[in-house]
């Protein structure tokens, strides 16, 4: 049996984990692998610079998903197709040399928006960071308006007479 032909069932060992029952004993279609994390290095590429940084294992295991991971893909697609004006306003925050390309939304997380600039010279990904991390849709809307330079940072509200 080769590992390439074997689906893996993975258990991540944490301080609170317990052994998995051996219910697939003798079944050679599966491989049970236990991942014991001893060290973590996060690699990144941002604004043309690359790097790596050690991450504490306890911090990694305690981390929660980004609040926008569930709808990020739909939001990015909607922004790209229905709100090109917002993308154009965000693009004004880019360095002048990057504004000549086609700017497309690439991602969003609690820390900022990523844009891809597609041009004849090649594609380039750029992050526009928020002033502070956001945790909900209301905060996301406000952070986007700040990045756009919108005078209605807190959104439009109905007039009360």
N, C-alpha and C. Protein backbone atom coordinates (compact mmCIF):
# COMPACT_ATOMS: atom_id res chain seq x y z
N UNK A 1 0.84 -1.17 0.00
CA UNK A 1 0.00 0.00 0.00
C UNK A 1 0.89 1.24 0.00
N UNK A 2 0.57 2.22 -0.87
CA UNK A 2 1.31 3.47 -0.88
C UNK A 2 0.45 4.56 -0.26
N UNK A 3 1.10 5.54 0.31
CA UNK A 3 0.36 6.63 0.94
C UNK A 3 -0.38 7.47 -0.09
N UNK A 4 0.11 7.51 -1.33
CA UNK A 4 -0.55 8.31 -2.36
C UNK A 4 -1.95 7.79 -2.67
N UNK A 5 -2.19 6.51 -2.48
CA UNK A 5 -3.49 5.91 -2.79
C UNK A 5 -4.37 5.76 -1.57
N UNK A 6 -3.96 6.31 -0.46
CA UNK A 6 -4.65 6.08 0.80
C UNK A 6 -5.21 7.38 1.35
N UNK A 7 -6.54 7.51 1.48
CA UNK A 7 -7.08 8.71 2.13
C UNK A 7 -6.63 8.75 3.58
N UNK A 8 -6.31 9.92 4.06
CA UNK A 8 -5.82 10.05 5.43
C UNK A 8 -6.94 10.58 6.32
N UNK A 9 -7.06 9.98 7.48
CA UNK A 9 -7.92 10.49 8.53
C UNK A 9 -6.97 11.14 9.52
N UNK A 10 -7.16 12.40 9.77
CA UNK A 10 -6.19 13.15 10.56
C UNK A 10 -6.77 13.56 11.90
N UNK A 11 -6.02 13.34 12.94
CA UNK A 11 -6.40 13.82 14.26
C UNK A 11 -5.28 14.75 14.72
N UNK A 12 -5.63 15.95 15.09
CA UNK A 12 -4.66 16.89 15.64
C UNK A 12 -4.65 16.70 17.14
N UNK A 13 -3.46 16.42 17.69
CA UNK A 13 -3.36 16.20 19.12
C UNK A 13 -3.25 17.54 19.83
N UNK A 14 -4.17 17.78 20.72
CA UNK A 14 -4.18 18.98 21.55
C UNK A 14 -4.10 18.53 23.00
N UNK A 15 -3.86 19.45 23.92
CA UNK A 15 -3.79 19.03 25.33
C UNK A 15 -5.06 18.31 25.80
N UNK A 16 -6.21 18.63 25.22
CA UNK A 16 -7.45 18.00 25.65
C UNK A 16 -7.89 16.82 24.80
N UNK A 17 -7.08 16.40 23.83
CA UNK A 17 -7.53 15.32 22.94
C UNK A 17 -7.36 13.95 23.59
N UNK A 18 -8.16 13.00 23.13
CA UNK A 18 -8.08 11.63 23.62
C UNK A 18 -7.87 10.72 22.43
N UNK A 19 -7.34 9.52 22.63
CA UNK A 19 -7.11 8.61 21.51
C UNK A 19 -8.40 8.28 20.77
N UNK A 20 -8.28 8.09 19.45
CA UNK A 20 -9.43 7.74 18.62
C UNK A 20 -9.60 6.22 18.66
N UNK A 21 -10.84 5.77 18.76
CA UNK A 21 -11.11 4.33 18.75
C UNK A 21 -10.62 3.75 17.44
N UNK A 22 -10.07 2.55 17.49
CA UNK A 22 -9.49 1.92 16.31
C UNK A 22 -10.57 1.19 15.52
N UNK A 23 -11.57 1.94 15.01
CA UNK A 23 -12.69 1.29 14.33
C UNK A 23 -12.36 0.88 12.90
N UNK A 24 -11.20 1.30 12.38
CA UNK A 24 -10.83 0.92 11.01
C UNK A 24 -9.71 -0.12 11.02
N UNK A 25 -9.54 -0.81 12.11
CA UNK A 25 -8.47 -1.80 12.21
C UNK A 25 -8.60 -2.84 11.10
N UNK A 26 -7.52 -3.09 10.43
CA UNK A 26 -7.50 -4.09 9.36
C UNK A 26 -7.99 -3.56 8.02
N UNK A 27 -8.54 -2.38 7.98
CA UNK A 27 -9.01 -1.78 6.72
C UNK A 27 -7.85 -1.01 6.11
N UNK A 28 -7.29 -1.51 5.01
CA UNK A 28 -6.11 -0.89 4.40
C UNK A 28 -6.47 0.28 3.48
N UNK A 29 -7.75 0.63 3.39
CA UNK A 29 -8.13 1.79 2.56
C UNK A 29 -7.87 3.11 3.27
N UNK A 30 -7.64 3.07 4.56
CA UNK A 30 -7.48 4.30 5.33
C UNK A 30 -6.18 4.30 6.11
N UNK A 31 -5.69 5.48 6.35
CA UNK A 31 -4.52 5.66 7.17
C UNK A 31 -4.89 6.66 8.26
N UNK A 32 -4.67 6.29 9.48
CA UNK A 32 -4.91 7.21 10.58
C UNK A 32 -3.58 7.85 10.94
N UNK A 33 -3.50 9.15 10.76
CA UNK A 33 -2.27 9.88 11.08
C UNK A 33 -2.56 10.85 12.20
N UNK A 34 -1.67 10.92 13.14
CA UNK A 34 -1.81 11.86 14.24
C UNK A 34 -0.75 12.94 14.05
N UNK A 35 -1.20 14.17 14.01
CA UNK A 35 -0.31 15.31 13.84
C UNK A 35 -0.03 15.91 15.21
N UNK A 36 1.20 15.85 15.61
CA UNK A 36 1.59 16.43 16.89
C UNK A 36 2.41 17.68 16.57
N UNK A 37 1.81 18.84 16.80
CA UNK A 37 2.44 20.10 16.45
C UNK A 37 3.47 20.47 17.51
N UNK A 38 4.72 20.66 17.07
CA UNK A 38 5.76 21.08 17.99
C UNK A 38 6.22 22.50 17.73
N UNK A 39 6.15 22.92 16.48
CA UNK A 39 6.50 24.31 16.16
C UNK A 39 5.75 24.71 14.90
N UNK A 40 5.50 26.01 14.77
CA UNK A 40 4.76 26.55 13.64
C UNK A 40 5.50 27.78 13.12
N UNK A 41 5.63 27.84 11.81
CA UNK A 41 6.21 29.02 11.17
C UNK A 41 5.22 29.46 10.10
N UNK A 42 4.78 30.71 10.20
CA UNK A 42 3.86 31.27 9.21
C UNK A 42 4.67 32.07 8.20
N UNK A 43 4.50 31.71 6.92
CA UNK A 43 5.18 32.44 5.86
C UNK A 43 4.19 33.43 5.26
N UNK A 44 4.67 34.56 4.81
CA UNK A 44 3.79 35.56 4.23
C UNK A 44 4.48 36.26 3.08
N UNK A 45 3.64 36.81 2.21
CA UNK A 45 4.12 37.65 1.12
C UNK A 45 3.17 38.83 1.05
N UNK A 46 3.71 40.02 1.24
CA UNK A 46 2.87 41.21 1.26
C UNK A 46 3.64 42.37 0.65
N UNK A 47 3.00 43.05 -0.28
CA UNK A 47 3.60 44.21 -0.94
C UNK A 47 4.98 43.89 -1.51
N UNK A 48 5.12 42.70 -2.08
CA UNK A 48 6.38 42.33 -2.71
C UNK A 48 7.41 41.77 -1.75
N UNK A 49 7.22 41.93 -0.46
CA UNK A 49 8.17 41.42 0.53
C UNK A 49 7.70 40.06 1.03
N UNK A 50 8.65 39.19 1.29
CA UNK A 50 8.32 37.88 1.84
C UNK A 50 9.01 37.74 3.19
N UNK A 51 8.47 36.87 3.99
CA UNK A 51 9.07 36.65 5.29
C UNK A 51 8.43 35.47 5.99
N UNK A 52 8.90 35.19 7.17
CA UNK A 52 8.37 34.10 7.98
C UNK A 52 8.48 34.52 9.44
N UNK A 53 7.56 33.97 10.22
CA UNK A 53 7.52 34.35 11.63
C UNK A 53 7.07 33.14 12.44
N UNK A 54 7.73 32.90 13.56
CA UNK A 54 7.34 31.81 14.44
C UNK A 54 6.02 32.15 15.12
N UNK A 55 5.17 31.13 15.29
CA UNK A 55 3.87 31.29 15.95
C UNK A 55 3.83 30.33 17.12
N UNK A 56 3.41 30.82 18.27
CA UNK A 56 3.30 29.99 19.45
C UNK A 56 2.24 28.91 19.21
N UNK A 57 2.56 27.66 19.50
CA UNK A 57 1.64 26.55 19.27
C UNK A 57 0.33 26.73 20.04
N UNK A 58 0.41 27.17 21.29
CA UNK A 58 -0.81 27.39 22.09
C UNK A 58 -1.69 28.47 21.46
N UNK A 59 -1.05 29.52 20.94
CA UNK A 59 -1.82 30.58 20.28
C UNK A 59 -2.50 30.05 19.01
N UNK A 60 -1.80 29.21 18.27
CA UNK A 60 -2.39 28.62 17.06
C UNK A 60 -3.60 27.75 17.40
N UNK A 61 -3.45 26.90 18.40
CA UNK A 61 -4.54 26.00 18.78
C UNK A 61 -5.73 26.76 19.37
N UNK A 62 -5.49 27.92 19.97
CA UNK A 62 -6.57 28.71 20.56
C UNK A 62 -7.21 29.68 19.55
N UNK A 63 -6.60 29.81 18.38
CA UNK A 63 -7.08 30.79 17.39
C UNK A 63 -8.47 30.43 16.89
N UNK A 64 -9.25 31.45 16.62
CA UNK A 64 -10.59 31.29 16.07
C UNK A 64 -10.57 31.74 14.62
N UNK A 65 -11.47 31.21 13.79
CA UNK A 65 -11.50 31.63 12.38
C UNK A 65 -11.80 33.12 12.26
N UNK A 66 -11.34 33.69 11.17
CA UNK A 66 -11.65 35.08 10.89
C UNK A 66 -13.16 35.22 10.78
N UNK A 67 -13.75 36.31 11.31
CA UNK A 67 -15.21 36.43 11.29
C UNK A 67 -15.81 36.53 9.89
N UNK A 68 -14.99 36.78 8.88
CA UNK A 68 -15.52 36.95 7.53
C UNK A 68 -15.21 35.75 6.61
N UNK A 69 -14.59 34.69 7.16
CA UNK A 69 -14.21 33.56 6.31
C UNK A 69 -15.40 32.85 5.68
N UNK A 70 -16.54 32.87 6.34
CA UNK A 70 -17.72 32.16 5.83
C UNK A 70 -18.27 32.82 4.57
N UNK A 71 -18.26 34.15 4.52
CA UNK A 71 -18.86 34.81 3.36
C UNK A 71 -17.85 35.58 2.52
N UNK A 72 -16.56 35.42 2.78
CA UNK A 72 -15.54 36.18 2.06
C UNK A 72 -15.65 36.01 0.54
N UNK A 73 -15.74 34.78 0.06
CA UNK A 73 -15.78 34.54 -1.38
C UNK A 73 -16.99 35.21 -2.04
N UNK A 74 -18.17 35.08 -1.42
CA UNK A 74 -19.38 35.72 -1.97
C UNK A 74 -19.26 37.24 -1.93
N UNK A 75 -18.71 37.76 -0.84
CA UNK A 75 -18.57 39.20 -0.70
C UNK A 75 -17.62 39.75 -1.76
N UNK A 76 -16.49 39.07 -1.97
CA UNK A 76 -15.51 39.50 -2.97
C UNK A 76 -16.13 39.47 -4.36
N UNK A 77 -16.85 38.41 -4.69
CA UNK A 77 -17.50 38.31 -6.00
C UNK A 77 -18.54 39.43 -6.17
N UNK A 78 -19.33 39.68 -5.14
CA UNK A 78 -20.33 40.74 -5.21
C UNK A 78 -19.66 42.11 -5.37
N UNK A 79 -18.61 42.35 -4.62
CA UNK A 79 -17.88 43.61 -4.72
C UNK A 79 -17.33 43.79 -6.14
N UNK A 80 -16.81 42.72 -6.72
CA UNK A 80 -16.21 42.78 -8.06
C UNK A 80 -17.25 43.00 -9.15
N UNK A 81 -18.43 42.44 -9.00
CA UNK A 81 -19.44 42.54 -10.06
C UNK A 81 -20.42 43.69 -9.87
N UNK A 82 -20.78 44.00 -8.65
CA UNK A 82 -21.83 44.99 -8.42
C UNK A 82 -21.34 46.33 -7.87
N UNK A 83 -20.11 46.37 -7.39
CA UNK A 83 -19.62 47.60 -6.76
C UNK A 83 -18.23 47.98 -7.26
N UNK A 84 -18.09 48.06 -8.57
CA UNK A 84 -16.79 48.46 -9.14
C UNK A 84 -16.43 49.88 -8.69
N UNK A 85 -17.45 50.70 -8.36
CA UNK A 85 -17.18 52.05 -7.87
C UNK A 85 -16.43 52.01 -6.54
N UNK A 86 -16.77 51.06 -5.69
CA UNK A 86 -16.08 50.91 -4.40
C UNK A 86 -14.64 50.46 -4.65
N UNK A 87 -14.47 49.51 -5.57
CA UNK A 87 -13.12 49.03 -5.90
C UNK A 87 -12.29 50.19 -6.45
N UNK A 88 -12.89 51.00 -7.31
CA UNK A 88 -12.18 52.16 -7.88
C UNK A 88 -11.77 53.14 -6.78
N UNK A 89 -12.64 53.36 -5.81
CA UNK A 89 -12.29 54.26 -4.69
C UNK A 89 -11.18 53.67 -3.84
N UNK A 90 -11.22 52.36 -3.62
CA UNK A 90 -10.15 51.70 -2.87
C UNK A 90 -8.83 51.79 -3.63
N UNK A 91 -8.90 51.70 -4.96
CA UNK A 91 -7.70 51.75 -5.79
C UNK A 91 -6.99 53.10 -5.68
N UNK A 92 -7.71 54.14 -5.32
CA UNK A 92 -7.06 55.44 -5.17
C UNK A 92 -6.06 55.44 -4.01
N UNK A 93 -6.15 54.45 -3.13
CA UNK A 93 -5.22 54.33 -2.00
C UNK A 93 -3.92 53.64 -2.39
N UNK A 94 -3.86 53.10 -3.61
CA UNK A 94 -2.67 52.39 -4.08
C UNK A 94 -1.61 53.39 -4.54
N UNK A 95 -0.34 52.97 -4.54
CA UNK A 95 0.70 53.82 -5.13
C UNK A 95 0.35 54.12 -6.59
N UNK A 96 0.73 55.31 -7.07
CA UNK A 96 0.36 55.76 -8.42
C UNK A 96 0.74 54.76 -9.50
N UNK A 97 1.89 54.13 -9.38
CA UNK A 97 2.34 53.19 -10.42
C UNK A 97 1.45 51.96 -10.53
N UNK A 98 0.72 51.63 -9.46
CA UNK A 98 -0.16 50.47 -9.49
C UNK A 98 -1.57 50.79 -9.98
N UNK A 99 -1.92 52.04 -10.02
CA UNK A 99 -3.29 52.41 -10.41
C UNK A 99 -3.55 52.25 -11.90
N UNK A 100 -2.52 52.01 -12.69
CA UNK A 100 -2.69 51.86 -14.14
C UNK A 100 -3.26 50.50 -14.52
N UNK A 101 -3.14 49.51 -13.66
CA UNK A 101 -3.63 48.18 -13.97
C UNK A 101 -5.10 48.03 -13.63
N UNK A 102 -5.63 46.84 -13.94
CA UNK A 102 -7.01 46.49 -13.58
C UNK A 102 -7.00 46.02 -12.14
N UNK A 103 -7.71 46.72 -11.28
CA UNK A 103 -7.73 46.41 -9.85
C UNK A 103 -8.96 45.57 -9.53
N UNK A 104 -8.71 44.42 -8.89
CA UNK A 104 -9.80 43.51 -8.54
C UNK A 104 -9.71 43.17 -7.06
N UNK A 105 -10.85 43.01 -6.39
CA UNK A 105 -10.81 42.59 -4.98
C UNK A 105 -10.34 41.14 -4.89
N UNK A 106 -9.51 40.85 -3.92
CA UNK A 106 -8.94 39.51 -3.78
C UNK A 106 -9.33 38.83 -2.47
N UNK A 107 -9.44 39.62 -1.40
CA UNK A 107 -9.77 39.01 -0.11
C UNK A 107 -10.08 40.06 0.93
N UNK A 108 -10.69 39.61 2.00
CA UNK A 108 -10.98 40.49 3.13
C UNK A 108 -10.85 39.66 4.40
N UNK A 109 -10.30 40.27 5.43
CA UNK A 109 -10.25 39.65 6.74
C UNK A 109 -10.37 40.76 7.79
N UNK A 110 -10.29 40.39 9.04
CA UNK A 110 -10.49 41.38 10.10
C UNK A 110 -9.45 42.50 10.10
N UNK A 111 -8.34 42.29 9.37
CA UNK A 111 -7.25 43.26 9.38
C UNK A 111 -7.19 44.16 8.15
N UNK A 112 -7.90 43.82 7.07
CA UNK A 112 -7.84 44.66 5.89
C UNK A 112 -8.40 43.98 4.65
N UNK A 113 -8.21 44.67 3.52
CA UNK A 113 -8.68 44.21 2.21
C UNK A 113 -7.46 43.95 1.34
N UNK A 114 -7.50 42.87 0.58
CA UNK A 114 -6.44 42.60 -0.38
C UNK A 114 -6.97 42.84 -1.78
N UNK A 115 -6.18 43.53 -2.58
CA UNK A 115 -6.53 43.81 -3.97
C UNK A 115 -5.47 43.20 -4.87
N UNK A 116 -5.89 42.78 -6.04
CA UNK A 116 -4.94 42.31 -7.06
C UNK A 116 -4.93 43.32 -8.18
N UNK A 117 -3.73 43.76 -8.54
CA UNK A 117 -3.56 44.68 -9.66
C UNK A 117 -3.02 43.86 -10.82
N UNK A 118 -3.82 43.76 -11.88
CA UNK A 118 -3.42 43.01 -13.06
C UNK A 118 -2.97 43.99 -14.13
N UNK A 119 -1.74 43.83 -14.60
CA UNK A 119 -1.21 44.75 -15.62
C UNK A 119 -0.28 44.00 -16.55
N UNK A 120 0.15 44.68 -17.60
CA UNK A 120 1.07 44.08 -18.58
C UNK A 120 2.40 43.71 -17.93
N UNK A 121 2.78 44.43 -16.88
CA UNK A 121 4.04 44.15 -16.18
C UNK A 121 3.93 42.94 -15.25
N UNK A 122 2.73 42.44 -15.05
CA UNK A 122 2.51 41.31 -14.16
C UNK A 122 1.49 41.65 -13.09
N UNK A 123 1.03 40.64 -12.38
CA UNK A 123 0.05 40.82 -11.32
C UNK A 123 0.76 41.14 -10.00
N UNK A 124 0.09 41.92 -9.18
CA UNK A 124 0.65 42.29 -7.88
C UNK A 124 -0.48 42.33 -6.87
N UNK A 125 -0.28 41.71 -5.73
CA UNK A 125 -1.26 41.72 -4.65
C UNK A 125 -0.86 42.76 -3.62
N UNK A 126 -1.84 43.55 -3.19
CA UNK A 126 -1.58 44.63 -2.24
C UNK A 126 -2.62 44.57 -1.13
N UNK A 127 -2.19 44.78 0.08
CA UNK A 127 -3.11 44.82 1.23
C UNK A 127 -3.32 46.26 1.64
N UNK A 128 -4.59 46.61 1.84
CA UNK A 128 -4.95 47.90 2.43
C UNK A 128 -5.42 47.59 3.85
N UNK A 129 -4.61 47.92 4.84
CA UNK A 129 -4.97 47.57 6.22
C UNK A 129 -6.02 48.51 6.80
N UNK A 130 -6.87 47.97 7.64
CA UNK A 130 -7.80 48.79 8.40
C UNK A 130 -7.03 49.48 9.52
N UNK A 131 -7.57 50.57 10.05
CA UNK A 131 -6.92 51.27 11.15
C UNK A 131 -6.89 50.42 12.41
N UNK A 132 -7.89 49.56 12.57
CA UNK A 132 -7.93 48.63 13.70
C UNK A 132 -8.71 47.40 13.24
N UNK A 133 -8.45 46.23 13.86
CA UNK A 133 -9.17 45.02 13.46
C UNK A 133 -10.68 45.18 13.65
N UNK A 134 -11.46 44.55 12.77
CA UNK A 134 -12.91 44.58 12.88
C UNK A 134 -13.43 43.17 13.12
N UNK A 135 -14.55 43.07 13.83
CA UNK A 135 -15.07 41.76 14.22
C UNK A 135 -16.47 41.46 13.73
N UNK A 136 -17.12 42.43 13.07
CA UNK A 136 -18.48 42.18 12.61
C UNK A 136 -18.73 42.96 11.32
N UNK A 137 -19.88 42.71 10.71
CA UNK A 137 -20.22 43.32 9.42
C UNK A 137 -20.35 44.84 9.55
N UNK A 138 -20.88 45.32 10.65
CA UNK A 138 -20.99 46.76 10.86
C UNK A 138 -19.61 47.41 10.88
N UNK A 139 -18.70 46.81 11.61
CA UNK A 139 -17.32 47.32 11.67
C UNK A 139 -16.64 47.22 10.32
N UNK A 140 -16.93 46.15 9.56
CA UNK A 140 -16.35 45.99 8.23
C UNK A 140 -16.82 47.11 7.31
N UNK A 141 -18.12 47.40 7.33
CA UNK A 141 -18.65 48.48 6.49
C UNK A 141 -18.00 49.81 6.82
N UNK A 142 -17.84 50.09 8.10
CA UNK A 142 -17.22 51.34 8.52
C UNK A 142 -15.75 51.38 8.09
N UNK A 143 -15.03 50.29 8.26
CA UNK A 143 -13.62 50.25 7.89
C UNK A 143 -13.43 50.44 6.38
N UNK A 144 -14.34 49.85 5.58
CA UNK A 144 -14.27 50.02 4.12
C UNK A 144 -14.53 51.48 3.77
N UNK A 145 -15.52 52.10 4.41
CA UNK A 145 -15.80 53.51 4.14
C UNK A 145 -14.61 54.40 4.50
N UNK A 146 -13.92 54.08 5.58
CA UNK A 146 -12.72 54.84 5.95
C UNK A 146 -11.66 54.68 4.87
N UNK A 147 -11.43 53.46 4.40
CA UNK A 147 -10.44 53.23 3.34
C UNK A 147 -10.80 53.98 2.06
N UNK A 148 -12.09 54.06 1.77
CA UNK A 148 -12.55 54.75 0.56
C UNK A 148 -12.44 56.27 0.69
N UNK A 149 -12.29 56.75 1.91
CA UNK A 149 -12.28 58.19 2.13
C UNK A 149 -13.68 58.77 2.13
N UNK A 150 -14.65 57.95 2.49
CA UNK A 150 -16.05 58.37 2.50
C UNK A 150 -16.31 59.33 3.66
N UNK A 151 -16.98 60.46 3.40
CA UNK A 151 -17.28 61.38 4.49
C UNK A 151 -18.32 60.85 5.47
N UNK A 152 -19.06 59.83 5.06
CA UNK A 152 -20.09 59.24 5.93
C UNK A 152 -19.51 57.98 6.57
N UNK A 153 -18.50 58.16 7.40
CA UNK A 153 -17.79 57.03 8.00
C UNK A 153 -18.72 56.09 8.72
N UNK A 154 -19.73 56.62 9.38
CA UNK A 154 -20.65 55.77 10.12
C UNK A 154 -21.88 55.39 9.30
N UNK A 155 -21.85 55.68 8.00
CA UNK A 155 -22.98 55.33 7.12
C UNK A 155 -23.99 56.45 7.07
N UNK A 156 -24.93 56.32 6.17
CA UNK A 156 -25.99 57.30 6.05
C UNK A 156 -27.11 56.96 7.04
N UNK A 157 -27.67 57.97 7.62
CA UNK A 157 -28.79 57.75 8.55
C UNK A 157 -29.95 58.62 8.11
N UNK A 158 -31.14 58.16 8.37
CA UNK A 158 -32.34 58.91 8.02
C UNK A 158 -32.41 60.19 8.84
N UNK A 159 -32.86 61.25 8.20
CA UNK A 159 -33.05 62.51 8.92
C UNK A 159 -34.21 62.40 9.89
N UNK A 160 -34.04 62.97 11.03
CA UNK A 160 -35.13 62.99 12.01
C UNK A 160 -35.56 64.43 12.18
N UNK A 161 -36.80 64.68 11.91
CA UNK A 161 -37.32 66.05 12.02
C UNK A 161 -37.93 66.30 13.36
